[in-house]
Amino acid sequence: MQIPVHNLTGEVTGHIEISDRVFREPFNESVVHQAMVRQRANARQGTHATKTRGQVNASGAKLFRQKGTGNARAGSRRSPLRRGGGIIFGPHPRSYTQAMPKKMRRLALRCVLSAKTEEKELIVLESLALEAPKTKQMAEILGALGIKSSALIVTAKPEENVIKSARNLQKIKTLPANILNVVDLLSHRILLMTVEAVRTAEQLWGDKKEEEVNNAAV
């Protein structure tokens, strides 16, 4: 499958062949949903905690005598029925980590990349090398490419000038290709990748047999 390649002024300068294995995978909604839920769950710290009546710092003495006061029977101030007392069935530290087979995680990523390609939301750049971090220059590049909504900028490796140029723009995020993930892809409408980032993605999540065939053909 061929897609156009743009320069920084938005002009089409050529076309590149992209891997069908990575960018034309049939969409599997259940796997993508599971991968998204897993990633969001694994991001939770799980450090929430409440104190039981045995952990509350208060006197354990009986508040008043059992009989003769006209009041209901009362135990200590640690009782969950009293203000400042323990919490019944409150949350305690736990792990929200979910496991998912590696093949399913890779499939989910390919499904989302393929959906971006099919919906014409994938834009490929020749390169994105900036001499200095300038937010205005990055905004002009995005404008020239017709990007008016949220966008995820993916480079082959972390580019400091690109990161600093884009970090003050609303709904714009930068990532290196090796940590591309389902949640960020689904959270941004446009996927902007450099040619080098596309090749890195194909190398990471493509089929080795297909790569060998393509290399032999070249």
N, C-alpha and C. Protein backbone atom coordinates (compact mmCIF):
# COMPACT_ATOMS: atom_id res chain seq x y z
N MET A 1 0.85 -1.19 0.00
CA MET A 1 0.00 0.00 0.00
C MET A 1 0.89 1.24 0.00
N GLN A 2 0.57 2.20 -0.85
CA GLN A 2 1.34 3.42 -0.95
C GLN A 2 0.56 4.60 -0.37
N ILE A 3 1.29 5.47 0.32
CA ILE A 3 0.69 6.69 0.85
C ILE A 3 1.61 7.86 0.53
N PRO A 4 1.06 9.07 0.41
CA PRO A 4 1.88 10.23 0.05
C PRO A 4 2.79 10.67 1.20
N VAL A 5 3.90 11.28 0.82
CA VAL A 5 4.85 11.84 1.78
C VAL A 5 4.87 13.35 1.59
N HIS A 6 4.77 14.09 2.71
CA HIS A 6 4.74 15.54 2.67
C HIS A 6 6.04 16.14 3.19
N ASN A 7 6.30 17.37 2.77
CA ASN A 7 7.40 18.12 3.38
C ASN A 7 6.83 19.07 4.42
N LEU A 8 7.67 19.91 5.02
CA LEU A 8 7.22 20.77 6.12
C LEU A 8 6.29 21.88 5.66
N THR A 9 6.20 22.12 4.35
CA THR A 9 5.29 23.15 3.85
C THR A 9 3.95 22.56 3.41
N GLY A 10 3.79 21.24 3.58
CA GLY A 10 2.52 20.59 3.26
C GLY A 10 2.44 20.04 1.85
N GLU A 11 3.49 20.19 1.04
CA GLU A 11 3.46 19.70 -0.33
C GLU A 11 3.77 18.21 -0.38
N VAL A 12 3.16 17.52 -1.31
CA VAL A 12 3.43 16.09 -1.52
C VAL A 12 4.68 15.96 -2.37
N THR A 13 5.68 15.31 -1.82
CA THR A 13 6.96 15.17 -2.53
C THR A 13 7.20 13.77 -3.08
N GLY A 14 6.32 12.84 -2.74
CA GLY A 14 6.48 11.47 -3.23
C GLY A 14 5.56 10.52 -2.50
N HIS A 15 5.80 9.24 -2.70
CA HIS A 15 5.01 8.20 -2.05
C HIS A 15 5.93 7.12 -1.50
N ILE A 16 5.48 6.47 -0.43
CA ILE A 16 6.24 5.35 0.12
C ILE A 16 5.32 4.14 0.26
N GLU A 17 5.92 2.99 0.19
CA GLU A 17 5.20 1.73 0.37
C GLU A 17 5.23 1.38 1.86
N ILE A 18 4.06 1.17 2.44
CA ILE A 18 4.00 0.81 3.85
C ILE A 18 3.52 -0.64 4.00
N SER A 19 3.85 -1.23 5.11
CA SER A 19 3.57 -2.64 5.34
C SER A 19 2.07 -2.88 5.54
N ASP A 20 1.51 -3.81 4.79
CA ASP A 20 0.11 -4.19 4.98
C ASP A 20 -0.09 -4.87 6.32
N ARG A 21 0.94 -5.53 6.80
CA ARG A 21 0.86 -6.24 8.08
C ARG A 21 0.62 -5.28 9.23
N VAL A 22 1.20 -4.08 9.15
CA VAL A 22 1.09 -3.11 10.24
C VAL A 22 -0.03 -2.10 9.99
N PHE A 23 -0.22 -1.69 8.74
CA PHE A 23 -1.13 -0.59 8.45
C PHE A 23 -2.40 -1.01 7.70
N ARG A 24 -2.63 -2.32 7.54
CA ARG A 24 -3.88 -2.78 6.91
C ARG A 24 -4.43 -3.99 7.64
N GLU A 25 -4.32 -3.98 8.94
CA GLU A 25 -4.85 -5.07 9.77
C GLU A 25 -6.36 -4.90 9.96
N PRO A 26 -7.17 -5.94 9.76
CA PRO A 26 -8.61 -5.83 10.01
C PRO A 26 -8.88 -5.42 11.46
N PHE A 27 -9.81 -4.52 11.64
CA PHE A 27 -10.04 -3.96 12.99
C PHE A 27 -10.73 -4.98 13.89
N ASN A 28 -10.16 -5.17 15.07
CA ASN A 28 -10.71 -6.09 16.07
C ASN A 28 -11.10 -5.25 17.29
N GLU A 29 -12.37 -4.91 17.38
CA GLU A 29 -12.83 -3.97 18.42
C GLU A 29 -12.61 -4.51 19.82
N SER A 30 -12.87 -5.78 20.04
CA SER A 30 -12.75 -6.34 21.39
C SER A 30 -11.30 -6.32 21.88
N VAL A 31 -10.36 -6.63 21.00
CA VAL A 31 -8.94 -6.63 21.39
C VAL A 31 -8.47 -5.20 21.67
N VAL A 32 -8.88 -4.25 20.84
CA VAL A 32 -8.50 -2.85 21.06
C VAL A 32 -9.07 -2.34 22.38
N HIS A 33 -10.32 -2.69 22.65
CA HIS A 33 -10.94 -2.25 23.91
C HIS A 33 -10.21 -2.85 25.11
N GLN A 34 -9.88 -4.12 25.02
CA GLN A 34 -9.18 -4.77 26.12
C GLN A 34 -7.80 -4.14 26.34
N ALA A 35 -7.12 -3.82 25.27
CA ALA A 35 -5.80 -3.19 25.39
C ALA A 35 -5.90 -1.81 26.01
N MET A 36 -6.93 -1.06 25.64
CA MET A 36 -7.11 0.28 26.20
C MET A 36 -7.42 0.20 27.69
N VAL A 37 -8.35 -0.71 28.09
CA VAL A 37 -8.70 -0.87 29.50
C VAL A 37 -7.49 -1.30 30.30
N ARG A 38 -6.70 -2.22 29.75
CA ARG A 38 -5.49 -2.70 30.43
C ARG A 38 -4.49 -1.57 30.66
N GLN A 39 -4.26 -0.76 29.63
CA GLN A 39 -3.28 0.31 29.76
C GLN A 39 -3.72 1.35 30.80
N ARG A 40 -4.99 1.70 30.79
CA ARG A 40 -5.49 2.68 31.75
C ARG A 40 -5.48 2.11 33.16
N ALA A 41 -5.78 0.82 33.30
CA ALA A 41 -5.76 0.19 34.62
C ALA A 41 -4.33 0.12 35.16
N ASN A 42 -3.38 -0.20 34.29
CA ASN A 42 -1.99 -0.30 34.73
C ASN A 42 -1.39 1.05 35.11
N ALA A 43 -2.03 2.13 34.67
CA ALA A 43 -1.55 3.46 35.03
C ALA A 43 -2.01 3.89 36.42
N ARG A 44 -2.95 3.17 36.99
CA ARG A 44 -3.45 3.52 38.33
C ARG A 44 -2.42 3.14 39.39
N GLN A 45 -2.23 4.00 40.37
CA GLN A 45 -1.24 3.75 41.42
C GLN A 45 -1.76 2.77 42.46
N GLY A 46 -3.05 2.85 42.77
CA GLY A 46 -3.61 1.94 43.77
C GLY A 46 -3.11 2.20 45.17
N THR A 47 -2.75 3.46 45.49
CA THR A 47 -2.23 3.78 46.82
C THR A 47 -3.30 4.33 47.76
N HIS A 48 -4.57 4.27 47.36
CA HIS A 48 -5.64 4.78 48.22
C HIS A 48 -5.75 3.91 49.48
N ALA A 49 -6.07 4.54 50.60
CA ALA A 49 -6.13 3.79 51.86
C ALA A 49 -7.06 4.47 52.84
N THR A 50 -7.75 3.68 53.65
CA THR A 50 -8.55 4.18 54.76
C THR A 50 -8.18 3.36 56.01
N LYS A 51 -8.49 3.90 57.16
CA LYS A 51 -8.15 3.23 58.41
C LYS A 51 -9.35 2.46 58.97
N THR A 52 -9.07 1.27 59.41
CA THR A 52 -10.11 0.50 60.12
C THR A 52 -10.13 0.96 61.57
N ARG A 53 -11.09 0.45 62.35
CA ARG A 53 -11.18 0.89 63.74
C ARG A 53 -9.95 0.48 64.54
N GLY A 54 -9.24 -0.52 64.08
CA GLY A 54 -8.03 -0.93 64.77
C GLY A 54 -6.83 -0.05 64.46
N GLN A 55 -6.94 0.80 63.44
CA GLN A 55 -5.83 1.65 63.04
C GLN A 55 -6.02 3.11 63.44
N VAL A 56 -7.23 3.47 63.86
CA VAL A 56 -7.51 4.85 64.25
C VAL A 56 -6.79 5.17 65.55
N ASN A 57 -6.16 6.36 65.57
CA ASN A 57 -5.45 6.80 66.77
C ASN A 57 -6.42 7.47 67.73
N ALA A 58 -7.02 6.69 68.60
CA ALA A 58 -7.98 7.21 69.59
C ALA A 58 -8.02 6.26 70.78
N SER A 59 -8.58 6.76 71.86
CA SER A 59 -8.67 5.94 73.07
C SER A 59 -9.63 4.76 72.86
N GLY A 60 -9.26 3.65 73.44
CA GLY A 60 -10.13 2.48 73.34
C GLY A 60 -11.07 2.35 74.51
N ALA A 61 -11.08 3.37 75.38
CA ALA A 61 -11.92 3.31 76.58
C ALA A 61 -13.39 3.49 76.20
N LYS A 62 -14.26 2.90 77.00
CA LYS A 62 -15.70 3.06 76.80
C LYS A 62 -16.08 4.50 77.09
N LEU A 63 -16.93 5.09 76.24
CA LEU A 63 -17.25 6.51 76.35
C LEU A 63 -17.98 6.84 77.66
N PHE A 64 -18.94 6.03 78.01
CA PHE A 64 -19.67 6.21 79.28
C PHE A 64 -20.20 4.85 79.71
N ARG A 65 -20.68 4.82 80.94
CA ARG A 65 -21.10 3.54 81.48
C ARG A 65 -22.26 2.96 80.69
N GLN A 66 -22.43 1.66 80.84
CA GLN A 66 -23.40 0.92 80.05
C GLN A 66 -24.83 1.31 80.37
N LYS A 67 -25.13 1.51 81.63
CA LYS A 67 -26.52 1.74 82.03
C LYS A 67 -26.65 3.02 82.84
N GLY A 68 -27.84 3.54 82.88
CA GLY A 68 -28.17 4.65 83.77
C GLY A 68 -28.06 6.01 83.15
N THR A 69 -27.56 6.17 81.94
CA THR A 69 -27.40 7.50 81.35
C THR A 69 -28.59 7.87 80.46
N GLY A 70 -29.38 6.89 80.04
CA GLY A 70 -30.48 7.16 79.12
C GLY A 70 -30.05 7.16 77.67
N ASN A 71 -28.76 7.04 77.43
CA ASN A 71 -28.26 6.99 76.05
C ASN A 71 -28.11 5.55 75.58
N ALA A 72 -27.98 5.41 74.28
CA ALA A 72 -27.73 4.08 73.74
C ALA A 72 -26.34 3.60 74.16
N ARG A 73 -26.18 2.29 74.16
CA ARG A 73 -24.88 1.73 74.53
C ARG A 73 -23.82 2.21 73.55
N ALA A 74 -22.65 2.58 74.05
CA ALA A 74 -21.58 3.10 73.20
C ALA A 74 -20.25 2.46 73.58
N GLY A 75 -19.46 2.14 72.56
CA GLY A 75 -18.13 1.60 72.79
C GLY A 75 -17.10 2.71 72.74
N SER A 76 -16.01 2.51 72.01
CA SER A 76 -14.94 3.50 71.96
C SER A 76 -15.17 4.50 70.84
N ARG A 77 -14.32 5.51 70.80
CA ARG A 77 -14.39 6.52 69.75
C ARG A 77 -13.95 5.96 68.39
N ARG A 78 -13.37 4.80 68.40
CA ARG A 78 -12.92 4.19 67.15
C ARG A 78 -14.06 3.54 66.37
N SER A 79 -15.24 3.53 66.94
CA SER A 79 -16.37 2.89 66.27
C SER A 79 -16.65 3.54 64.91
N PRO A 80 -16.91 2.77 63.88
CA PRO A 80 -17.25 3.33 62.56
C PRO A 80 -18.51 4.19 62.58
N LEU A 81 -19.31 4.07 63.62
CA LEU A 81 -20.54 4.85 63.71
C LEU A 81 -20.28 6.27 64.18
N ARG A 82 -19.08 6.57 64.62
CA ARG A 82 -18.77 7.88 65.17
C ARG A 82 -17.83 8.65 64.25
N ARG A 83 -17.96 9.96 64.27
CA ARG A 83 -17.11 10.83 63.46
C ARG A 83 -15.65 10.65 63.88
N GLY A 84 -14.80 10.45 62.93
CA GLY A 84 -13.39 10.24 63.22
C GLY A 84 -13.05 8.80 63.51
N GLY A 85 -14.06 7.93 63.45
CA GLY A 85 -13.83 6.53 63.72
C GLY A 85 -13.32 5.79 62.48
N GLY A 86 -13.24 4.49 62.58
CA GLY A 86 -12.77 3.67 61.46
C GLY A 86 -13.76 3.65 60.31
N ILE A 87 -13.30 3.18 59.16
CA ILE A 87 -14.13 3.10 57.96
C ILE A 87 -14.46 1.63 57.68
N ILE A 88 -15.73 1.37 57.45
CA ILE A 88 -16.16 0.01 57.14
C ILE A 88 -16.00 -0.26 55.65
N PHE A 89 -15.32 -1.35 55.30
CA PHE A 89 -15.15 -1.76 53.90
C PHE A 89 -14.54 -0.65 53.03
N GLY A 90 -13.65 0.13 53.60
CA GLY A 90 -13.01 1.20 52.84
C GLY A 90 -11.93 0.65 51.91
N PRO A 91 -11.47 1.47 50.96
CA PRO A 91 -10.42 1.01 50.03
C PRO A 91 -9.07 0.89 50.73
N HIS A 92 -8.29 -0.06 50.27
CA HIS A 92 -6.94 -0.28 50.80
C HIS A 92 -5.99 -0.44 49.62
N PRO A 93 -4.70 -0.21 49.84
CA PRO A 93 -3.73 -0.32 48.73
C PRO A 93 -3.85 -1.66 48.00
N ARG A 94 -3.86 -1.58 46.67
CA ARG A 94 -3.96 -2.78 45.85
C ARG A 94 -3.38 -2.50 44.47
N SER A 95 -3.14 -3.53 43.73
CA SER A 95 -2.62 -3.40 42.37
C SER A 95 -3.75 -3.61 41.37
N TYR A 96 -3.85 -2.69 40.40
CA TYR A 96 -4.86 -2.79 39.35
C TYR A 96 -4.30 -3.40 38.07
N THR A 97 -3.08 -3.90 38.15
CA THR A 97 -2.39 -4.42 36.96
C THR A 97 -3.17 -5.55 36.30
N GLN A 98 -3.31 -5.43 34.98
CA GLN A 98 -3.96 -6.47 34.19
C GLN A 98 -2.95 -7.06 33.20
N ALA A 99 -3.01 -8.35 33.04
CA ALA A 99 -2.12 -9.02 32.10
C ALA A 99 -2.82 -9.18 30.74
N MET A 100 -2.02 -9.16 29.70
CA MET A 100 -2.55 -9.34 28.35
C MET A 100 -1.46 -9.96 27.50
N PRO A 101 -1.77 -11.00 26.74
CA PRO A 101 -0.73 -11.63 25.92
C PRO A 101 -0.07 -10.64 24.97
N LYS A 102 1.22 -10.85 24.74
CA LYS A 102 1.99 -9.95 23.89
C LYS A 102 1.43 -9.88 22.48
N LYS A 103 0.98 -11.01 21.95
CA LYS A 103 0.44 -11.03 20.59
C LYS A 103 -0.83 -10.19 20.49
N MET A 104 -1.64 -10.20 21.55
CA MET A 104 -2.87 -9.40 21.54
C MET A 104 -2.54 -7.91 21.65
N ARG A 105 -1.53 -7.55 22.43
CA ARG A 105 -1.14 -6.15 22.54
C ARG A 105 -0.63 -5.63 21.20
N ARG A 106 0.17 -6.44 20.53
CA ARG A 106 0.68 -6.04 19.21
C ARG A 106 -0.44 -5.95 18.18
N LEU A 107 -1.39 -6.87 18.26
CA LEU A 107 -2.54 -6.85 17.35
C LEU A 107 -3.36 -5.58 17.55
N ALA A 108 -3.60 -5.20 18.81
CA ALA A 108 -4.38 -4.00 19.10
C ALA A 108 -3.72 -2.76 18.52
N LEU A 109 -2.40 -2.68 18.64
CA LEU A 109 -1.67 -1.53 18.11
C LEU A 109 -1.76 -1.49 16.59
N ARG A 110 -1.61 -2.64 15.95
CA ARG A 110 -1.72 -2.68 14.48
C ARG A 110 -3.13 -2.31 14.03
N CYS A 111 -4.14 -2.74 14.79
CA CYS A 111 -5.53 -2.42 14.44
C CYS A 111 -5.77 -0.91 14.44
N VAL A 112 -5.26 -0.22 15.46
CA VAL A 112 -5.47 1.22 15.55
C VAL A 112 -4.67 1.96 14.48
N LEU A 113 -3.45 1.52 14.22
CA LEU A 113 -2.65 2.12 13.14
C LEU A 113 -3.34 1.94 11.79
N SER A 114 -3.91 0.77 11.58
CA SER A 114 -4.62 0.49 10.33
C SER A 114 -5.88 1.33 10.20
N ALA A 115 -6.57 1.54 11.33
CA ALA A 115 -7.78 2.38 11.30
C ALA A 115 -7.41 3.83 10.96
N LYS A 116 -6.31 4.32 11.50
CA LYS A 116 -5.86 5.67 11.18
C LYS A 116 -5.55 5.79 9.68
N THR A 117 -4.93 4.76 9.13
CA THR A 117 -4.59 4.78 7.71
C THR A 117 -5.85 4.75 6.85
N GLU A 118 -6.79 3.88 7.20
CA GLU A 118 -8.01 3.73 6.42
C GLU A 118 -8.86 5.00 6.44
N GLU A 119 -8.87 5.68 7.57
CA GLU A 119 -9.69 6.90 7.72
C GLU A 119 -8.95 8.16 7.27
N LYS A 120 -7.80 7.99 6.61
CA LYS A 120 -7.02 9.12 6.09
C LYS A 120 -6.57 10.06 7.21
N GLU A 121 -6.30 9.50 8.36
CA GLU A 121 -5.85 10.31 9.50
C GLU A 121 -4.36 10.10 9.79
N LEU A 122 -3.66 9.43 8.87
CA LEU A 122 -2.23 9.25 8.98
C LEU A 122 -1.54 10.16 7.97
N ILE A 123 -0.66 11.02 8.47
CA ILE A 123 0.13 11.92 7.63
C ILE A 123 1.60 11.58 7.82
N VAL A 124 2.29 11.39 6.70
CA VAL A 124 3.71 11.02 6.76
C VAL A 124 4.56 12.20 6.28
N LEU A 125 5.59 12.52 7.07
CA LEU A 125 6.52 13.60 6.75
C LEU A 125 7.86 13.03 6.30
N GLU A 126 8.52 13.74 5.42
CA GLU A 126 9.88 13.35 5.02
C GLU A 126 10.78 13.30 6.25
N SER A 127 10.77 14.37 7.00
CA SER A 127 11.56 14.47 8.24
C SER A 127 11.00 15.62 9.06
N LEU A 128 11.39 15.67 10.31
CA LEU A 128 10.92 16.74 11.20
C LEU A 128 12.09 17.20 12.06
N ALA A 129 13.12 17.68 11.38
CA ALA A 129 14.32 18.15 12.08
C ALA A 129 14.25 19.67 12.22
N LEU A 130 14.19 20.15 13.44
CA LEU A 130 14.14 21.58 13.71
C LEU A 130 15.48 22.02 14.29
N GLU A 131 15.96 23.17 13.80
CA GLU A 131 17.26 23.67 14.27
C GLU A 131 17.20 24.19 15.69
N ALA A 132 16.03 24.70 16.09
CA ALA A 132 15.87 25.23 17.44
C ALA A 132 14.42 25.03 17.87
N PRO A 133 14.15 24.97 19.17
CA PRO A 133 12.78 24.81 19.64
C PRO A 133 11.96 26.09 19.46
N LYS A 134 11.01 26.06 18.55
CA LYS A 134 10.16 27.23 18.29
C LYS A 134 8.71 26.78 18.14
N THR A 135 7.88 27.20 19.07
CA THR A 135 6.48 26.83 19.04
C THR A 135 5.78 27.38 17.81
N LYS A 136 6.14 28.60 17.43
CA LYS A 136 5.52 29.24 16.26
C LYS A 136 5.80 28.44 15.00
N GLN A 137 7.02 27.96 14.86
CA GLN A 137 7.38 27.17 13.67
C GLN A 137 6.60 25.86 13.64
N MET A 138 6.45 25.22 14.79
CA MET A 138 5.68 23.98 14.84
C MET A 138 4.22 24.24 14.48
N ALA A 139 3.66 25.32 14.98
CA ALA A 139 2.27 25.67 14.66
C ALA A 139 2.09 25.92 13.17
N GLU A 140 3.09 26.55 12.54
CA GLU A 140 3.02 26.80 11.10
C GLU A 140 3.09 25.49 10.31
N ILE A 141 3.91 24.55 10.77
CA ILE A 141 4.02 23.25 10.09
C ILE A 141 2.69 22.51 10.16
N LEU A 142 2.08 22.49 11.36
CA LEU A 142 0.79 21.81 11.52
C LEU A 142 -0.30 22.49 10.69
N GLY A 143 -0.24 23.82 10.61
CA GLY A 143 -1.21 24.54 9.79
C GLY A 143 -1.05 24.25 8.32
N ALA A 144 0.20 24.14 7.87
CA ALA A 144 0.46 23.84 6.45
C ALA A 144 -0.02 22.44 6.08
N LEU A 145 -0.01 21.54 7.05
CA LEU A 145 -0.48 20.17 6.81
C LEU A 145 -1.99 20.05 6.98
N GLY A 146 -2.65 21.13 7.35
CA GLY A 146 -4.10 21.12 7.50
C GLY A 146 -4.58 20.47 8.78
N ILE A 147 -3.73 20.45 9.80
CA ILE A 147 -4.11 19.84 11.08
C ILE A 147 -4.74 20.91 11.97
N LYS A 148 -6.03 20.76 12.21
CA LYS A 148 -6.76 21.73 13.03
C LYS A 148 -7.30 21.12 14.32
N SER A 149 -7.12 19.81 14.47
CA SER A 149 -7.62 19.13 15.67
C SER A 149 -6.44 18.56 16.43
N SER A 150 -6.71 17.63 17.33
CA SER A 150 -5.64 17.01 18.11
C SER A 150 -4.75 16.16 17.22
N ALA A 151 -3.48 16.09 17.57
CA ALA A 151 -2.52 15.35 16.75
C ALA A 151 -1.46 14.71 17.63
N LEU A 152 -1.03 13.54 17.21
CA LEU A 152 0.06 12.82 17.86
C LEU A 152 1.24 12.80 16.90
N ILE A 153 2.34 13.43 17.31
CA ILE A 153 3.53 13.51 16.47
C ILE A 153 4.49 12.40 16.89
N VAL A 154 4.83 11.54 15.94
CA VAL A 154 5.68 10.38 16.24
C VAL A 154 6.97 10.48 15.43
N THR A 155 8.08 10.43 16.15
CA THR A 155 9.40 10.43 15.52
C THR A 155 10.09 9.10 15.81
N ALA A 156 11.13 8.81 15.07
CA ALA A 156 11.82 7.53 15.25
C ALA A 156 12.48 7.44 16.62
N LYS A 157 12.99 8.55 17.10
CA LYS A 157 13.61 8.62 18.42
C LYS A 157 13.28 9.98 19.04
N PRO A 158 13.46 10.15 20.34
CA PRO A 158 13.13 11.44 20.96
C PRO A 158 13.91 12.59 20.33
N GLU A 159 13.19 13.60 19.89
CA GLU A 159 13.80 14.80 19.31
C GLU A 159 13.52 15.97 20.24
N GLU A 160 14.56 16.46 20.89
CA GLU A 160 14.38 17.49 21.92
C GLU A 160 13.73 18.76 21.37
N ASN A 161 14.17 19.21 20.21
CA ASN A 161 13.61 20.44 19.63
C ASN A 161 12.15 20.27 19.24
N VAL A 162 11.80 19.08 18.76
CA VAL A 162 10.40 18.81 18.41
C VAL A 162 9.52 18.77 19.66
N ILE A 163 10.03 18.13 20.69
CA ILE A 163 9.28 18.03 21.95
C ILE A 163 9.03 19.41 22.54
N LYS A 164 10.07 20.24 22.60
CA LYS A 164 9.93 21.58 23.18
C LYS A 164 9.07 22.49 22.32
N SER A 165 9.09 22.28 21.00
CA SER A 165 8.29 23.12 20.10
C SER A 165 6.81 22.81 20.18
N ALA A 166 6.48 21.56 20.54
CA ALA A 166 5.08 21.14 20.51
C ALA A 166 4.42 21.11 21.88
N ARG A 167 5.21 21.19 22.95
CA ARG A 167 4.63 20.95 24.27
C ARG A 167 3.67 22.05 24.74
N ASN A 168 3.76 23.25 24.17
CA ASN A 168 2.85 24.32 24.57
C ASN A 168 1.63 24.44 23.65
N LEU A 169 1.53 23.57 22.67
CA LEU A 169 0.37 23.58 21.78
C LEU A 169 -0.71 22.66 22.33
N GLN A 170 -1.93 23.16 22.36
CA GLN A 170 -3.04 22.38 22.90
C GLN A 170 -3.34 21.17 22.03
N LYS A 171 -3.61 20.05 22.69
CA LYS A 171 -4.02 18.81 22.05
C LYS A 171 -2.96 18.25 21.10
N ILE A 172 -1.69 18.63 21.33
CA ILE A 172 -0.59 18.11 20.53
C ILE A 172 0.35 17.36 21.47
N LYS A 173 0.74 16.15 21.08
CA LYS A 173 1.64 15.36 21.90
C LYS A 173 2.69 14.71 21.02
N THR A 174 3.90 14.57 21.55
CA THR A 174 4.98 13.93 20.80
C THR A 174 5.40 12.63 21.48
N LEU A 175 5.77 11.65 20.65
CA LEU A 175 6.20 10.35 21.16
C LEU A 175 7.26 9.76 20.23
N PRO A 176 8.22 9.03 20.77
CA PRO A 176 9.08 8.22 19.90
C PRO A 176 8.32 6.96 19.49
N ALA A 177 8.68 6.40 18.36
CA ALA A 177 7.91 5.29 17.79
C ALA A 177 7.90 4.06 18.67
N ASN A 178 8.96 3.85 19.44
CA ASN A 178 9.04 2.61 20.22
C ASN A 178 8.12 2.58 21.42
N ILE A 179 7.53 3.72 21.82
CA ILE A 179 6.56 3.70 22.93
C ILE A 179 5.17 4.13 22.46
N LEU A 180 4.92 3.94 21.18
CA LEU A 180 3.59 4.20 20.64
C LEU A 180 2.59 3.26 21.32
N ASN A 181 1.42 3.78 21.71
CA ASN A 181 0.48 2.98 22.48
C ASN A 181 -0.96 3.26 22.05
N VAL A 182 -1.85 2.37 22.45
CA VAL A 182 -3.24 2.42 22.01
C VAL A 182 -3.96 3.65 22.55
N VAL A 183 -3.77 3.97 23.83
CA VAL A 183 -4.49 5.09 24.45
C VAL A 183 -4.15 6.41 23.76
N ASP A 184 -2.87 6.68 23.53
CA ASP A 184 -2.49 7.93 22.87
C ASP A 184 -3.00 7.99 21.43
N LEU A 185 -3.00 6.86 20.74
CA LEU A 185 -3.52 6.83 19.37
C LEU A 185 -5.01 7.14 19.34
N LEU A 186 -5.75 6.58 20.28
CA LEU A 186 -7.20 6.80 20.32
C LEU A 186 -7.55 8.18 20.86
N SER A 187 -6.63 8.81 21.60
CA SER A 187 -6.90 10.11 22.20
C SER A 187 -6.62 11.28 21.26
N HIS A 188 -5.98 11.02 20.13
CA HIS A 188 -5.65 12.07 19.17
C HIS A 188 -6.18 11.67 17.80
N ARG A 189 -6.75 12.64 17.11
CA ARG A 189 -7.39 12.33 15.82
C ARG A 189 -6.37 12.09 14.72
N ILE A 190 -5.38 12.96 14.60
CA ILE A 190 -4.40 12.86 13.52
C ILE A 190 -3.12 12.21 14.03
N LEU A 191 -2.60 11.31 13.23
CA LEU A 191 -1.31 10.67 13.53
C LEU A 191 -0.29 11.18 12.52
N LEU A 192 0.69 11.93 13.01
CA LEU A 192 1.72 12.51 12.16
C LEU A 192 3.03 11.77 12.42
N MET A 193 3.51 11.06 11.41
CA MET A 193 4.73 10.25 11.55
C MET A 193 5.75 10.63 10.50
N THR A 194 7.01 10.57 10.88
CA THR A 194 8.08 10.73 9.89
C THR A 194 8.29 9.40 9.17
N VAL A 195 8.95 9.45 8.03
CA VAL A 195 9.22 8.22 7.28
C VAL A 195 10.04 7.25 8.13
N GLU A 196 11.00 7.78 8.85
CA GLU A 196 11.84 6.95 9.71
C GLU A 196 11.02 6.31 10.83
N ALA A 197 10.03 7.04 11.35
CA ALA A 197 9.17 6.49 12.39
C ALA A 197 8.29 5.37 11.84
N VAL A 198 7.84 5.52 10.60
CA VAL A 198 7.04 4.46 9.97
C VAL A 198 7.87 3.19 9.84
N ARG A 199 9.10 3.33 9.40
CA ARG A 199 9.97 2.17 9.25
C ARG A 199 10.27 1.52 10.60
N THR A 200 10.42 2.33 11.63
CA THR A 200 10.64 1.79 12.97
C THR A 200 9.43 1.00 13.44
N ALA A 201 8.24 1.54 13.19
CA ALA A 201 7.01 0.84 13.57
C ALA A 201 6.88 -0.48 12.83
N GLU A 202 7.22 -0.48 11.56
CA GLU A 202 7.16 -1.73 10.77
C GLU A 202 8.15 -2.76 11.30
N GLN A 203 9.30 -2.29 11.71
CA GLN A 203 10.32 -3.19 12.24
C GLN A 203 9.90 -3.78 13.59
N LEU A 204 9.22 -2.96 14.40
CA LEU A 204 8.83 -3.41 15.74
C LEU A 204 7.61 -4.33 15.72
N TRP A 205 6.62 -4.01 14.91
CA TRP A 205 5.34 -4.73 14.97
C TRP A 205 4.98 -5.45 13.67
N GLY A 206 5.86 -5.42 12.68
CA GLY A 206 5.58 -6.12 11.44
C GLY A 206 5.97 -7.58 11.50
N ASP A 207 5.74 -8.25 10.42
CA ASP A 207 6.08 -9.67 10.30
C ASP A 207 7.47 -9.79 9.72
N LYS A 208 8.36 -10.52 10.42
CA LYS A 208 9.73 -10.65 9.96
C LYS A 208 9.81 -11.30 8.58
N LYS A 209 8.93 -12.27 8.30
CA LYS A 209 8.93 -12.93 7.00
C LYS A 209 8.62 -11.93 5.89
N GLU A 210 7.65 -11.05 6.17
CA GLU A 210 7.28 -10.06 5.16
C GLU A 210 8.44 -9.10 4.92
N GLU A 211 9.15 -8.71 6.01
CA GLU A 211 10.29 -7.82 5.86
C GLU A 211 11.37 -8.47 5.00
N GLU A 212 11.60 -9.78 5.22
CA GLU A 212 12.62 -10.47 4.45
C GLU A 212 12.26 -10.49 2.96
N VAL A 213 10.97 -10.68 2.65
CA VAL A 213 10.52 -10.69 1.26
C VAL A 213 10.72 -9.33 0.63
N ASN A 214 10.34 -8.24 1.38
CA ASN A 214 10.51 -6.90 0.86
C ASN A 214 11.98 -6.55 0.62
N ASN A 215 12.84 -6.96 1.56
CA ASN A 215 14.26 -6.68 1.42
C ASN A 215 14.84 -7.42 0.22
N ALA A 216 14.36 -8.67 0.01
CA ALA A 216 14.85 -9.45 -1.14
C ALA A 216 14.41 -8.80 -2.45
N ALA A 217 13.18 -8.25 -2.45
CA ALA A 217 12.67 -7.61 -3.66
C ALA A 217 13.45 -6.36 -4.01
N VAL A 218 13.90 -5.63 -2.98
CA VAL A 218 14.70 -4.43 -3.22
C VAL A 218 16.07 -4.78 -3.76
